[in-house]
Amino acid sequence: MTLNRGEEFKTYLTNHNTAVISAVNKLSDENIVTRIWNKDYTVWSQSPEEISNRLGWLDGPSVMLKAIDEINDFVQEIRGAGFKNALLLGMGGSSLAPEVFRLTFGVRESFLDLAVLDSTHPEAVKSMAEKFNPKETLYIVSTKSGGTVETVSFMKYFFTYAKSKIGEHTPKHFIAITDPGSGLQKMAEDLKFRKIFLNDPNIGGRFSALSYFGLLPAALIGVNLSNLVDRAQKAAETSKIDSAEEIEKNTAATLGVILGELANAGIDKVTFITSPQIKYFGAWLEQLIAESTGKIGKGILPVDLETILESKYYSKDRIFVYLRLKNDFSNTENFTLMREAKIPCVEIVLDDIYDLGAEFFNWEFATSIASWVTGITPFDQPNVEQAKIIGRQKMKDYTEKGELPESKPDLIFNNFKLFGNVSGSNVKEVIDNFVTSNLKDGSYVSIQAYINPDAETTAHLQSFRTSIQKKYMVATTLGYGPRFLHSTGQLHKGDAGLGIFIQITGGKKFDVAVPDEAGSEKSSFSFGVLIDAQAMGDMQALIDNKRNVLRIHIGTDVKNNLKELI
């Protein structure tokens, strides 16, 4: 058996090839692929709970092929009505795929420019409010559950903001994407939104890229849905191959076996190298893999946008996946260095950016297979609610007492306040002692930034991340809160507990009120309070799960203080 499939899928698994081939044979012997397509929940668990009602993504491409005309007709209506921009308000599975489409495909001439808001930082909210003229903007309120606190808060704020600018025409500027019977559906009906798109409720958020949640925003920027979904449908058909004679042709299943089998061997940091044009795909992969596999003391850590260094900086827990466009060899030298260092690698070649339609499906299927290999149910997220519960309690404390409970810093040094596992007399010593004292085989460092996610801030944080990567030779991740709570947050609390967490919070130059109701000026809390409560809730949830956390509060002058931190 060969694990390669021409030029489009190549594997370099060093001494793991035999074990993977054995696992692929087991996949075929136990008819796992056929059982998944028959929606047999026993592939992953003896209980159907949060499995039987989460397998709609398998039929997503074929179902959505029939919805393309409806979507395209709506887009034509919106363009004809003079809309020039779209602002998507969502989190996690509702926002990540639209962001990938916008940053990868750009905007076709005469279609709508699209921005995504998934930060509750008041500076980010205000920036998005000022970015687009409400008279020319379509607001997309997108949440599966219909009750996501961030998304509902965004909706209330932007509906009120738009109403102050365009008055009675405001409802015609809002649409909703949600599940049937959700709280958002009821709110959208009461507020007389222009349109409500009801998604298949049997599709989980992180598996929803090829549903209304991903495809409607894609169509608004001019993506050719027929081309995109056709590629996904072909991938879905190939993923059905289950016979022993042809199983190696099923690249999605093969990829899943590779990820799962290597994770079982302790190689559980899947690190992405990509062509520049498709680098944003990694953010979507992060949620899919982390939230699906990070639980019951196990997990496959996706490492996205990490600086590619010399092979000496990598431990034996890495597998590299090289996603590249055909005829783009801009990162091939880096990939070759990893192969020559005998680090396990996989190379996947896309004909063009429309092959992302296939990759969305392939990675969903591969993640489901990897979960079978590692003994995990991929469709639940048992630890996600934990931080939300604590955050809600912090918000309740605020509404009752008028302020959030705040701990006393364990160290104040220059512009920094440090909380948690603090040992040392300055910031450099504290960070070094914190990381070094918790470093073990398989450790990773996660930087969690509850600050405004603009380009300059990201550049500073990436520099900080790379310095940690070089000094301690560990996998590193970087996420903005609360965005990552809907992405990697499950893995942080549910995996084997080898994460070392550096939480960065900052002051706000100003705050933005969250209306109690859409269209009302009355407010009981602000976005500043919300993001602070979310940071506190997440830190407490990590501590409750016996994770090692250091919080660094960097004050109001975020950019200059980040420079000092680096």
Protein backbone atom coordinates (compact mmCIF):
# COMPACT_ATOMS: atom_id res chain seq x y z
CA MET A 1 0.00 0.00 0.00
CA THR A 2 1.19 3.51 -0.79
CA LEU A 3 0.00 6.49 1.24
CA ASN A 4 0.79 8.91 -1.57
CA ARG A 5 -1.57 10.01 -4.32
CA GLY A 6 0.40 11.47 -7.18
CA GLU A 7 1.61 15.03 -6.75
CA GLU A 8 -1.45 16.19 -4.81
CA PHE A 9 -0.90 14.19 -1.61
CA LYS A 10 2.50 13.04 -0.39
CA THR A 11 3.60 11.67 2.95
CA TYR A 12 7.03 11.58 4.60
CA LEU A 13 6.42 9.72 7.84
CA THR A 14 9.94 8.47 8.66
CA ASN A 15 9.62 5.36 10.85
CA HIS A 16 5.83 5.73 11.32
CA ASN A 17 4.87 4.51 7.86
CA THR A 18 4.27 0.90 8.88
CA ALA A 19 2.07 1.82 11.85
CA VAL A 20 -0.02 4.16 9.71
CA ILE A 21 -0.50 1.54 6.97
CA SER A 22 -1.61 -0.93 9.64
CA ALA A 23 -4.12 1.62 10.97
CA VAL A 24 -5.44 2.29 7.44
CA ASN A 25 -5.99 -1.45 7.01
CA LYS A 26 -7.86 -1.52 10.32
CA LEU A 27 -9.98 1.39 9.10
CA SER A 28 -10.99 -0.69 6.10
CA ASP A 29 -11.42 -3.96 8.02
CA GLU A 30 -13.84 -2.31 10.46
CA ASN A 31 -15.73 -0.49 7.67
CA ILE A 32 -15.25 2.79 9.50
CA VAL A 33 -15.73 4.96 6.41
CA THR A 34 -18.96 3.24 5.41
CA ARG A 35 -20.21 3.37 8.99
CA ILE A 36 -19.53 7.11 9.17
CA TRP A 37 -21.47 7.66 5.95
CA ASN A 38 -24.27 5.53 7.40
CA LYS A 39 -24.15 7.93 10.38
CA ASP A 40 -23.34 5.15 12.82
CA TYR A 41 -22.59 6.88 16.12
CA THR A 42 -20.89 3.76 17.52
CA VAL A 43 -17.80 4.65 15.48
CA TRP A 44 -17.01 7.07 18.33
CA SER A 45 -19.22 6.21 21.29
CA GLN A 46 -21.84 3.86 22.68
CA SER A 47 -24.12 6.85 23.18
CA PRO A 48 -25.69 8.82 20.30
CA GLU A 49 -25.68 12.05 22.35
CA GLU A 50 -24.08 14.95 20.45
CA ILE A 51 -23.21 12.63 17.56
CA SER A 52 -26.42 11.58 15.82
CA ASN A 53 -27.53 15.20 15.60
CA ARG A 54 -24.11 16.45 14.43
CA LEU A 55 -23.51 14.56 11.19
CA GLY A 56 -25.38 16.81 8.76
CA TRP A 57 -22.05 18.13 7.42
CA LEU A 58 -21.59 14.88 5.51
CA ASP A 59 -24.47 15.83 3.23
CA GLY A 60 -23.61 19.54 3.25
CA PRO A 61 -22.14 19.80 -0.27
CA SER A 62 -25.01 17.93 -1.95
CA VAL A 63 -27.64 19.85 0.04
CA MET A 64 -26.05 23.24 -0.58
CA LEU A 65 -25.74 22.61 -4.33
CA LYS A 66 -29.55 22.89 -4.34
CA ALA A 67 -29.43 26.16 -2.34
CA ILE A 68 -27.00 28.01 -4.62
CA ASP A 69 -29.72 29.62 -6.74
CA GLU A 70 -31.47 30.94 -3.63
CA ILE A 71 -28.20 32.40 -2.31
CA ASN A 72 -27.23 33.95 -5.65
CA ASP A 73 -30.70 35.47 -6.07
CA PHE A 74 -30.37 37.07 -2.64
CA VAL A 75 -26.92 38.43 -3.48
CA GLN A 76 -28.30 39.96 -6.67
CA GLU A 77 -31.11 41.55 -4.66
CA ILE A 78 -28.62 43.04 -2.19
CA ARG A 79 -26.36 44.39 -4.93
CA GLY A 80 -29.35 45.85 -6.73
CA ALA A 81 -30.46 47.58 -3.53
CA GLY A 82 -27.20 49.53 -3.43
CA PHE A 83 -25.38 47.71 -0.63
CA LYS A 84 -21.61 47.98 -0.92
CA ASN A 85 -20.40 46.44 2.35
CA ALA A 86 -21.24 43.59 4.68
CA LEU A 87 -20.30 43.26 8.34
CA LEU A 88 -20.56 39.77 9.80
CA LEU A 89 -21.19 39.61 13.54
CA GLY A 90 -20.29 36.18 14.89
CA MET A 91 -17.88 33.93 16.77
CA GLY A 92 -16.05 30.67 16.10
CA GLY A 93 -17.73 28.51 13.49
CA SER A 94 -19.90 31.42 12.40
CA SER A 95 -17.02 33.79 11.69
CA LEU A 96 -13.89 31.81 10.81
CA ALA A 97 -14.90 30.42 7.39
CA PRO A 98 -16.26 33.80 6.18
CA GLU A 99 -12.97 35.37 7.26
CA VAL A 100 -11.03 32.74 5.28
CA PHE A 101 -13.09 33.46 2.18
CA ARG A 102 -12.65 37.24 2.43
CA LEU A 103 -8.90 37.14 3.09
CA THR A 104 -8.24 34.45 0.48
CA PHE A 105 -10.55 35.38 -2.41
CA GLY A 106 -10.72 39.14 -1.95
CA VAL A 107 -13.74 41.01 -3.35
CA ARG A 108 -14.95 40.61 -6.91
CA GLU A 109 -15.77 43.83 -8.75
CA SER A 110 -19.23 45.24 -7.87
CA PHE A 111 -19.74 42.73 -5.05
CA LEU A 112 -19.78 43.60 -1.34
CA ASP A 113 -16.70 44.18 0.78
CA LEU A 114 -16.92 41.96 3.87
CA ALA A 115 -15.51 42.46 7.34
CA VAL A 116 -15.84 40.13 10.31
CA LEU A 117 -16.20 41.23 13.93
CA ASP A 118 -15.37 38.57 16.52
CA SER A 119 -13.77 40.70 19.25
CA THR A 120 -15.63 42.24 22.18
CA HIS A 121 -12.85 44.75 22.78
CA PRO A 122 -14.49 48.20 22.67
CA GLU A 123 -11.81 49.59 20.35
CA ALA A 124 -12.50 46.78 17.86
CA VAL A 125 -16.26 47.33 18.06
CA LYS A 126 -15.98 51.10 17.54
CA SER A 127 -13.52 50.63 14.69
CA MET A 128 -15.98 48.39 12.85
CA ALA A 129 -18.83 50.82 13.49
CA GLU A 130 -16.82 53.57 11.83
CA LYS A 131 -15.45 51.42 9.00
CA PHE A 132 -18.67 51.20 6.97
CA ASN A 133 -21.50 53.65 6.29
CA PRO A 134 -24.70 52.02 7.65
CA LYS A 135 -26.63 53.30 4.62
CA GLU A 136 -24.57 51.01 2.38
CA THR A 137 -23.96 48.14 4.81
CA LEU A 138 -25.62 44.76 5.28
CA TYR A 139 -25.22 43.43 8.83
CA ILE A 140 -25.08 39.62 9.05
CA VAL A 141 -25.91 38.29 12.52
CA SER A 142 -24.60 34.73 12.54
CA THR A 143 -24.90 32.20 15.37
CA LYS A 144 -26.00 28.57 15.39
CA SER A 145 -27.36 28.58 18.93
CA GLY A 146 -28.90 32.01 18.60
CA GLY A 147 -27.79 32.89 22.11
CA THR A 148 -24.04 33.47 21.89
CA VAL A 149 -23.47 36.41 24.23
CA GLU A 150 -20.90 38.12 22.02
CA THR A 151 -23.02 37.88 18.86
CA VAL A 152 -26.23 39.00 20.55
CA SER A 153 -24.36 41.94 22.10
CA PHE A 154 -22.97 42.87 18.66
CA MET A 155 -26.46 42.70 17.18
CA LYS A 156 -27.96 44.96 19.86
CA TYR A 157 -25.17 47.50 19.46
CA PHE A 158 -25.11 47.66 15.67
CA PHE A 159 -28.90 47.66 15.31
CA THR A 160 -29.01 50.62 17.71
CA TYR A 161 -26.09 52.30 15.94
CA ALA A 162 -27.63 51.84 12.50
CA LYS A 163 -31.01 53.07 13.74
CA SER A 164 -29.38 56.31 14.88
CA LYS A 165 -28.08 56.83 11.33
CA ILE A 166 -30.81 55.48 9.04
CA GLY A 167 -33.91 55.29 11.23
CA GLU A 168 -36.88 53.21 10.10
CA HIS A 169 -34.92 51.54 7.27
CA THR A 170 -32.63 49.75 9.76
CA PRO A 171 -34.35 46.29 9.69
CA LYS A 172 -33.75 46.05 5.93
CA HIS A 173 -30.02 46.23 6.64
CA PHE A 174 -30.00 43.13 8.86
CA ILE A 175 -30.14 39.43 8.09
CA ALA A 176 -29.66 36.39 10.33
CA ILE A 177 -28.09 32.97 9.86
CA THR A 178 -29.09 30.58 12.63
CA ASP A 179 -30.72 27.26 13.51
CA PRO A 180 -34.50 26.80 13.37
CA GLY A 181 -36.19 27.78 16.63
CA SER A 182 -33.17 29.61 18.03
CA GLY A 183 -33.36 32.76 20.13
CA LEU A 184 -31.92 34.75 17.23
CA GLN A 185 -34.69 33.60 14.91
CA LYS A 186 -37.26 35.00 17.35
CA MET A 187 -35.34 38.29 17.77
CA ALA A 188 -34.89 38.65 14.01
CA GLU A 189 -38.60 38.07 13.42
CA ASP A 190 -39.58 40.59 16.10
CA LEU A 191 -37.18 43.19 14.67
CA LYS A 192 -38.34 42.43 11.10
CA PHE A 193 -34.92 41.57 9.67
CA ARG A 194 -34.70 41.60 5.88
CA LYS A 195 -34.17 37.82 5.72
CA ILE A 196 -33.48 34.85 7.99
CA PHE A 197 -31.48 31.91 6.68
CA LEU A 198 -32.20 28.75 8.68
CA ASN A 199 -29.33 26.26 8.61
CA ASP A 200 -29.46 22.49 9.03
CA PRO A 201 -29.51 22.08 12.85
CA ASN A 202 -27.62 18.78 12.51
CA ILE A 203 -24.41 20.60 11.56
CA GLY A 204 -22.11 21.67 14.39
CA GLY A 205 -20.60 25.14 14.28
CA ARG A 206 -17.03 24.13 13.45
CA PHE A 207 -18.30 21.82 10.67
CA SER A 208 -20.47 24.53 9.08
CA ALA A 209 -18.12 26.11 6.49
CA LEU A 210 -20.00 24.45 3.61
CA SER A 211 -23.44 25.56 4.82
CA TYR A 212 -25.24 28.92 4.88
CA PHE A 213 -22.81 30.05 7.62
CA GLY A 214 -19.87 29.99 5.22
CA LEU A 215 -21.40 30.08 1.76
CA LEU A 216 -23.71 33.08 2.06
CA PRO A 217 -20.88 35.46 3.10
CA ALA A 218 -18.70 33.90 0.38
CA ALA A 219 -21.33 34.65 -2.27
CA LEU A 220 -21.62 38.27 -1.11
CA ILE A 221 -17.94 38.90 -1.96
CA GLY A 222 -18.32 37.20 -5.34
CA VAL A 223 -17.05 33.66 -4.77
CA ASN A 224 -18.38 31.27 -7.44
CA LEU A 225 -20.37 28.91 -5.25
CA SER A 226 -21.02 26.36 -7.99
CA ASN A 227 -17.29 25.89 -8.48
CA LEU A 228 -16.51 25.84 -4.76
CA VAL A 229 -19.27 23.40 -3.75
CA ASP A 230 -18.63 21.17 -6.75
CA ARG A 231 -15.06 20.67 -5.52
CA ALA A 232 -16.40 19.86 -2.05
CA GLN A 233 -18.89 17.37 -3.50
CA LYS A 234 -16.14 15.57 -5.40
CA ALA A 235 -14.10 15.36 -2.20
CA ALA A 236 -17.12 13.96 -0.39
CA GLU A 237 -17.53 11.24 -3.02
CA THR A 238 -13.85 10.29 -2.78
CA SER A 239 -14.13 10.11 1.01
CA LYS A 240 -16.63 7.25 0.64
CA ILE A 241 -13.98 4.83 -0.66
CA ASP A 242 -13.71 2.03 1.89
CA SER A 243 -12.55 -1.11 0.08
CA ALA A 244 -9.22 -2.65 1.08
CA GLU A 245 -8.05 -2.51 -2.56
CA GLU A 246 -8.65 1.22 -2.97
CA ILE A 247 -8.64 2.68 0.53
CA GLU A 248 -5.39 4.58 -0.11
CA LYS A 249 -7.26 6.68 -2.69
CA ASN A 250 -9.32 8.10 0.18
CA THR A 251 -6.91 10.91 1.07
CA ALA A 252 -9.23 12.47 3.67
CA ALA A 253 -9.39 9.19 5.60
CA THR A 254 -5.65 8.60 5.14
CA LEU A 255 -4.88 12.07 6.49
CA GLY A 256 -7.10 11.40 9.49
CA VAL A 257 -5.35 8.12 10.25
CA ILE A 258 -1.95 9.83 10.00
CA LEU A 259 -2.96 12.59 12.43
CA GLY A 260 -4.52 10.15 14.88
CA GLU A 261 -1.81 7.49 14.75
CA LEU A 262 0.99 10.00 15.22
CA ALA A 263 -0.91 11.69 18.06
CA ASN A 264 -1.12 8.31 19.78
CA ALA A 265 2.68 8.15 19.44
CA GLY A 266 3.11 11.55 21.11
CA ILE A 267 3.48 13.51 17.86
CA ASP A 268 0.47 15.71 18.53
CA LYS A 269 1.50 19.21 17.36
CA VAL A 270 0.27 19.53 13.76
CA THR A 271 2.11 22.57 12.39
CA PHE A 272 1.02 24.28 9.18
CA ILE A 273 3.23 25.66 6.43
CA THR A 274 1.17 27.23 3.65
CA SER A 275 1.30 29.18 0.45
CA PRO A 276 0.90 32.86 1.38
CA GLN A 277 -2.47 33.22 -0.38
CA ILE A 278 -4.09 30.43 1.66
CA LYS A 279 -2.43 31.09 5.01
CA TYR A 280 -5.71 32.21 6.59
CA PHE A 281 -7.14 28.70 6.17
CA GLY A 282 -5.13 27.74 9.25
CA ALA A 283 -7.37 29.78 11.57
CA TRP A 284 -10.36 27.68 10.52
CA LEU A 285 -8.34 24.47 10.88
CA GLU A 286 -7.36 25.57 14.39
CA GLN A 287 -10.94 25.48 15.64
CA LEU A 288 -11.87 22.31 13.77
CA ILE A 289 -8.96 20.26 15.11
CA ALA A 290 -8.59 21.75 18.60
CA GLU A 291 -12.24 21.79 19.58
CA SER A 292 -12.88 18.34 18.08
CA THR A 293 -9.88 16.47 19.52
CA GLY A 294 -8.96 18.32 22.73
CA LYS A 295 -10.83 16.52 25.50
CA ILE A 296 -10.74 13.65 28.02
CA GLY A 297 -7.01 14.24 28.57
CA LYS A 298 -6.12 13.96 24.91
CA GLY A 299 -5.68 16.40 22.05
CA ILE A 300 -4.08 17.29 18.74
CA LEU A 301 -2.71 20.83 18.96
CA PRO A 302 -2.95 22.80 15.69
CA VAL A 303 -0.08 25.29 15.36
CA ASP A 304 -0.97 28.10 12.97
CA LEU A 305 1.15 31.02 11.71
CA GLU A 306 4.15 30.09 13.84
CA THR A 307 7.47 31.42 12.51
CA ILE A 308 9.28 28.66 10.61
CA LEU A 309 12.71 28.24 12.17
CA GLU A 310 15.64 25.89 11.74
CA SER A 311 14.81 22.28 12.55
CA LYS A 312 16.93 22.38 15.74
CA TYR A 313 14.19 24.43 17.42
CA TYR A 314 11.60 21.65 17.14
CA SER A 315 11.00 18.82 19.57
CA LYS A 316 9.94 15.29 18.66
CA ASP A 317 6.23 16.12 19.04
CA ARG A 318 5.81 17.79 15.64
CA ILE A 319 4.20 16.83 12.36
CA PHE A 320 4.29 19.41 9.56
CA VAL A 321 1.51 19.76 6.99
CA TYR A 322 2.47 21.75 3.91
CA LEU A 323 -0.58 23.18 2.15
CA ARG A 324 0.44 24.85 -1.08
CA LEU A 325 -0.98 26.02 -4.36
CA LYS A 326 0.31 24.33 -7.49
CA ASN A 327 3.30 26.23 -8.95
CA ASP A 328 3.83 28.11 -5.67
CA PHE A 329 7.10 26.99 -4.10
CA SER A 330 7.63 30.00 -1.82
CA ASN A 331 7.81 27.85 1.33
CA THR A 332 9.15 24.65 -0.19
CA GLU A 333 12.66 25.29 1.14
CA ASN A 334 11.32 25.46 4.71
CA PHE A 335 9.33 22.27 4.17
CA THR A 336 12.34 20.49 2.71
CA LEU A 337 14.39 21.37 5.80
CA MET A 338 11.79 19.64 7.99
CA ARG A 339 11.78 16.56 5.79
CA GLU A 340 15.57 16.38 5.80
CA ALA A 341 15.51 16.61 9.60
CA LYS A 342 13.35 13.44 9.61
CA ILE A 343 10.33 15.27 11.07
CA PRO A 344 7.07 13.60 9.89
CA CYS A 345 5.51 15.62 7.07
CA VAL A 346 2.51 15.66 4.74
CA GLU A 347 2.29 17.71 1.54
CA ILE A 348 -1.08 18.67 0.05
CA VAL A 349 -1.21 20.52 -3.28
CA LEU A 350 -4.23 22.56 -4.40
CA ASP A 351 -4.87 23.35 -8.07
CA ASP A 352 -6.17 26.82 -7.14
CA ILE A 353 -7.96 28.60 -4.30
CA TYR A 354 -11.30 26.99 -5.22
CA ASP A 355 -9.82 23.69 -4.04
CA LEU A 356 -10.43 25.08 -0.54
CA GLY A 357 -13.97 23.77 -1.07
CA ALA A 358 -12.51 20.27 -1.14
CA GLU A 359 -10.15 21.01 1.74
CA PHE A 360 -12.95 22.18 4.03
CA PHE A 361 -14.62 18.80 3.57
CA ASN A 362 -11.42 16.72 3.59
CA TRP A 363 -10.29 18.17 6.91
CA GLU A 364 -13.74 17.70 8.48
CA PHE A 365 -13.64 14.05 7.45
CA ALA A 366 -9.99 13.64 8.47
CA THR A 367 -10.67 15.12 11.92
CA SER A 368 -13.54 12.68 12.40
CA ILE A 369 -11.23 9.79 11.45
CA ALA A 370 -8.40 11.06 13.68
CA SER A 371 -10.87 11.16 16.56
CA TRP A 372 -11.79 7.52 15.93
CA VAL A 373 -8.09 6.59 15.96
CA THR A 374 -7.49 8.38 19.28
CA GLY A 375 -10.74 7.29 20.94
CA ILE A 376 -12.38 10.74 21.10
CA THR A 377 -15.90 11.90 20.26
CA PRO A 378 -15.25 14.83 17.90
CA PHE A 379 -18.60 16.61 17.99
CA ASP A 380 -18.99 17.73 21.60
CA GLN A 381 -17.14 20.45 23.55
CA PRO A 382 -17.54 19.60 27.25
CA ASN A 383 -15.17 22.28 28.59
CA VAL A 384 -16.31 25.24 26.51
CA GLU A 385 -19.28 26.01 28.72
CA GLN A 386 -17.09 26.11 31.83
CA ALA A 387 -15.46 29.47 31.06
CA LYS A 388 -18.82 30.84 29.93
CA ILE A 389 -20.45 29.94 33.25
CA ILE A 390 -17.71 31.67 35.23
CA GLY A 391 -17.84 34.67 32.90
CA ARG A 392 -21.61 34.94 33.35
CA GLN A 393 -21.12 34.89 37.11
CA LYS A 394 -18.62 37.76 36.81
CA MET A 395 -21.19 39.69 34.77
CA LYS A 396 -23.83 39.00 37.40
CA ASP A 397 -21.45 40.33 40.06
CA TYR A 398 -21.01 43.46 37.97
CA THR A 399 -24.73 44.11 37.56
CA GLU A 400 -25.28 43.62 41.30
CA LYS A 401 -22.24 45.53 42.61
CA GLY A 402 -21.34 47.91 39.79
CA GLU A 403 -17.82 46.56 39.39
CA LEU A 404 -15.97 43.39 38.51
CA PRO A 405 -14.09 41.58 41.28
CA GLU A 406 -10.37 42.11 40.75
CA SER A 407 -7.49 40.22 42.32
CA LYS A 408 -4.52 41.97 43.89
CA PRO A 409 -1.41 41.81 41.67
CA ASP A 410 1.34 39.44 42.81
CA LEU A 411 3.93 41.80 41.32
CA ILE A 412 3.89 45.35 39.95
CA PHE A 413 6.87 46.16 37.72
CA ASN A 414 7.03 49.37 35.67
CA ASN A 415 3.86 49.37 33.52
CA PHE A 416 2.99 45.76 34.26
CA LYS A 417 0.83 44.01 36.82
CA LEU A 418 1.37 40.27 37.12
CA PHE A 419 -1.05 37.71 38.52
CA GLY A 420 -0.80 34.00 39.17
CA ASN A 421 2.32 31.86 39.36
CA VAL A 422 4.72 34.75 39.96
CA SER A 423 8.37 34.14 40.90
CA GLY A 424 10.96 36.83 40.24
CA SER A 425 11.59 40.54 40.70
CA ASN A 426 10.93 41.71 37.11
CA VAL A 427 8.85 40.66 34.12
CA LYS A 428 11.68 38.84 32.34
CA GLU A 429 12.51 36.77 35.41
CA VAL A 430 8.84 35.98 36.07
CA ILE A 431 8.21 34.75 32.52
CA ASP A 432 11.42 32.69 32.47
CA ASN A 433 10.74 31.12 35.86
CA PHE A 434 7.10 30.48 34.95
CA VAL A 435 7.85 28.73 31.66
CA THR A 436 10.94 26.87 32.87
CA SER A 437 9.31 25.53 36.02
CA ASN A 438 6.37 24.11 34.05
CA LEU A 439 8.26 22.81 31.03
CA LYS A 440 7.87 19.07 30.32
CA ASP A 441 8.08 16.79 27.31
CA GLY A 442 5.18 17.71 25.07
CA SER A 443 4.62 21.17 26.58
CA TYR A 444 3.39 24.10 24.52
CA VAL A 445 3.07 27.81 25.29
CA SER A 446 -0.21 29.54 24.51
CA ILE A 447 -0.39 33.34 24.40
CA GLN A 448 -3.93 34.58 25.03
CA ALA A 449 -4.40 38.26 24.29
CA TYR A 450 -7.52 40.05 25.49
CA ILE A 451 -6.59 43.27 23.69
CA ASN A 452 -7.58 45.02 20.46
CA PRO A 453 -6.61 42.69 17.57
CA ASP A 454 -5.14 45.13 15.07
CA ALA A 455 -2.20 44.52 12.72
CA GLU A 456 0.44 46.33 14.78
CA THR A 457 -0.54 44.54 17.99
CA THR A 458 -0.45 41.20 16.17
CA ALA A 459 3.06 41.91 14.88
CA HIS A 460 4.29 42.65 18.41
CA LEU A 461 2.64 39.50 19.80
CA GLN A 462 4.14 37.39 17.02
CA SER A 463 7.59 38.72 17.95
CA PHE A 464 6.94 37.81 21.58
CA ARG A 465 5.75 34.37 20.46
CA THR A 466 8.84 33.75 18.32
CA SER A 467 11.19 34.73 21.15
CA ILE A 468 9.49 32.13 23.36
CA GLN A 469 9.61 29.54 20.58
CA LYS A 470 13.36 30.05 20.13
CA LYS A 471 14.27 30.18 23.81
CA TYR A 472 12.32 27.16 25.02
CA MET A 473 12.04 25.16 21.76
CA VAL A 474 8.36 24.42 22.28
CA ALA A 475 5.27 24.72 20.12
CA THR A 476 3.59 28.10 20.51
CA THR A 477 0.11 29.37 19.74
CA LEU A 478 -1.36 32.86 19.72
CA GLY A 479 -5.04 33.71 20.08
CA TYR A 480 -7.14 36.77 20.74
CA GLY A 481 -9.84 36.59 23.38
CA PRO A 482 -12.70 35.96 23.34
CA ARG A 483 -12.26 34.63 19.79
CA PHE A 484 -10.08 31.68 20.81
CA LEU A 485 -12.58 30.62 23.49
CA HIS A 486 -14.73 29.43 20.57
CA SER A 487 -11.74 27.82 18.88
CA THR A 488 -8.83 26.41 20.88
CA GLY A 489 -10.35 27.05 24.32
CA GLN A 490 -11.76 23.52 24.51
CA LEU A 491 -8.35 21.91 23.96
CA HIS A 492 -6.67 24.21 26.50
CA LYS A 493 -8.89 22.84 29.25
CA GLY A 494 -9.52 19.32 27.99
CA ASP A 495 -6.16 17.99 26.76
CA ALA A 496 -3.36 16.32 28.73
CA GLY A 497 -2.61 19.52 30.66
CA LEU A 498 0.78 20.35 29.16
CA GLY A 499 -0.18 23.86 28.12
CA ILE A 500 1.65 26.84 29.65
CA PHE A 501 -0.65 29.85 29.40
CA ILE A 502 0.37 33.50 29.28
CA GLN A 503 -2.71 35.71 29.39
CA ILE A 504 -2.25 39.34 28.34
CA THR A 505 -4.85 41.93 29.30
CA GLY A 506 -4.83 45.69 28.92
CA GLY A 507 -6.67 48.86 29.83
CA LYS A 508 -9.11 50.55 27.46
CA LYS A 509 -8.76 54.05 26.03
CA PHE A 510 -12.57 54.24 26.00
CA ASP A 511 -15.57 51.98 26.43
CA VAL A 512 -18.67 51.17 24.36
CA ALA A 513 -22.05 50.46 25.93
CA VAL A 514 -24.06 47.34 25.06
CA PRO A 515 -27.76 48.24 24.73
CA ASP A 516 -30.15 46.18 26.84
CA GLU A 517 -32.36 45.82 23.76
CA ALA A 518 -31.77 46.40 20.04
CA GLY A 519 -32.73 49.96 19.23
CA SER A 520 -32.61 51.14 22.84
CA GLU A 521 -30.11 53.52 24.44
CA LYS A 522 -30.48 51.94 27.88
CA SER A 523 -27.48 49.83 28.89
CA SER A 524 -26.56 47.72 31.93
CA PHE A 525 -22.99 46.85 30.90
CA SER A 526 -20.32 47.61 28.30
CA PHE A 527 -18.08 45.70 25.92
CA GLY A 528 -15.15 46.60 28.19
CA VAL A 529 -16.85 44.89 31.12
CA LEU A 530 -17.75 41.91 28.94
CA ILE A 531 -14.21 41.26 27.68
CA ASP A 532 -12.77 41.66 31.19
CA ALA A 533 -15.31 39.19 32.56
CA GLN A 534 -14.44 36.75 29.78
CA ALA A 535 -10.70 37.02 30.54
CA MET A 536 -11.35 36.44 34.26
CA GLY A 537 -13.66 33.53 33.51
CA ASP A 538 -11.17 31.86 31.20
CA MET A 539 -8.28 32.22 33.64
CA GLN A 540 -10.37 30.74 36.44
CA ALA A 541 -11.51 27.86 34.22
CA LEU A 542 -7.87 27.08 33.36
CA ILE A 543 -6.93 27.14 37.04
CA ASP A 544 -9.90 24.93 37.92
CA ASN A 545 -8.60 22.42 35.36
CA LYS A 546 -5.15 22.56 37.00
CA ARG A 547 -3.53 24.48 34.15
CA ASN A 548 -0.55 26.79 34.67
CA VAL A 549 -1.52 30.42 34.01
CA LEU A 550 0.35 33.71 34.22
CA ARG A 551 -1.58 36.91 33.62
CA ILE A 552 0.26 40.06 32.51
CA HIS A 553 -1.76 43.28 32.58
CA ILE A 554 0.00 45.78 30.34
CA GLY A 555 -1.99 48.96 30.99
CA THR A 556 -3.58 51.35 28.51
CA ASP A 557 -0.55 52.11 26.32
CA VAL A 558 -0.80 48.67 24.77
CA LYS A 559 1.59 48.96 21.82
CA ASN A 560 4.49 50.61 23.67
CA ASN A 561 4.11 48.27 26.62
CA LEU A 562 4.08 45.27 24.28
CA LYS A 563 7.38 46.50 22.85
CA GLU A 564 8.76 46.67 26.38
CA LEU A 565 7.42 43.18 27.10
CA ILE A 566 9.24 41.79 24.06
